[in-house]
Protein backbone atom coordinates (compact mmCIF):
# COMPACT_ATOMS: atom_id res chain seq x y z
CA MET A 1 -131.34 89.80 50.19
CA SER A 2 -133.79 87.61 48.38
CA LYS A 3 -134.44 84.00 49.29
CA ASN A 4 -133.02 82.67 46.01
CA ILE A 5 -129.38 81.75 46.67
CA VAL A 6 -128.57 81.12 43.01
CA LYS A 7 -129.91 84.54 42.04
CA ASP A 8 -127.84 86.23 44.75
CA LYS A 9 -124.65 84.40 43.78
CA SER A 10 -125.12 85.14 40.09
CA PHE A 11 -125.65 88.83 40.90
CA HIS A 12 -122.40 88.99 42.86
CA PHE A 13 -120.64 87.08 40.08
CA SER A 14 -121.89 89.63 37.55
CA ILE A 15 -120.56 92.50 39.64
CA LYS A 16 -117.13 90.85 39.79
CA VAL A 17 -117.16 90.24 36.03
CA ILE A 18 -118.01 93.88 35.36
CA GLU A 19 -115.01 94.91 37.46
CA LEU A 20 -112.84 92.48 35.50
CA TYR A 21 -114.28 93.84 32.24
CA LYS A 22 -113.20 97.35 33.18
CA VAL A 23 -109.66 96.17 33.85
CA LEU A 24 -109.44 94.15 30.64
CA ALA A 25 -111.01 96.76 28.38
CA PHE A 26 -109.44 99.94 29.67
CA GLU A 27 -106.11 98.91 31.18
CA ARG A 28 -105.15 95.87 29.10
CA LYS A 29 -106.90 96.90 25.85
CA GLU A 30 -108.42 93.41 25.42
CA TYR A 31 -111.66 94.48 23.78
CA VAL A 32 -112.85 91.24 22.15
CA LEU A 33 -112.16 89.04 25.16
CA SER A 34 -113.68 91.50 27.61
CA LYS A 35 -116.90 91.92 25.61
CA GLN A 36 -117.34 88.15 25.31
CA LEU A 37 -116.83 87.76 29.07
CA LEU A 38 -119.40 90.47 29.74
CA ARG A 39 -121.97 88.78 27.48
CA LEU A 40 -121.33 85.45 29.19
CA SER A 41 -121.97 86.84 32.66
CA ASN A 42 -125.19 88.53 31.58
CA SER A 43 -126.53 85.36 29.97
CA ILE A 44 -126.33 83.54 33.31
CA GLY A 45 -128.76 86.03 34.84
CA ALA A 46 -131.08 85.71 31.87
CA MET A 47 -131.17 81.92 32.19
CA ILE A 48 -131.93 82.11 35.90
CA ARG A 49 -134.74 84.57 35.29
CA GLU A 50 -136.14 82.37 32.51
CA SER A 51 -136.09 79.30 34.76
CA GLU A 52 -137.98 81.17 37.49
CA TYR A 53 -140.85 82.00 35.15
CA ALA A 54 -140.98 78.63 33.37
């Protein structure tokens, strides 16, 4: 694991959201909600990466 705790936690959060996305999109047929949730989880990682290089 890396030394950045926030990066590690956001990675694990993203994995959980992807699992939730699969359930919402394929089992519950909630396409709009699941895509928005997926975009939200990916933006967290992008913000963390941007703050590291700022």
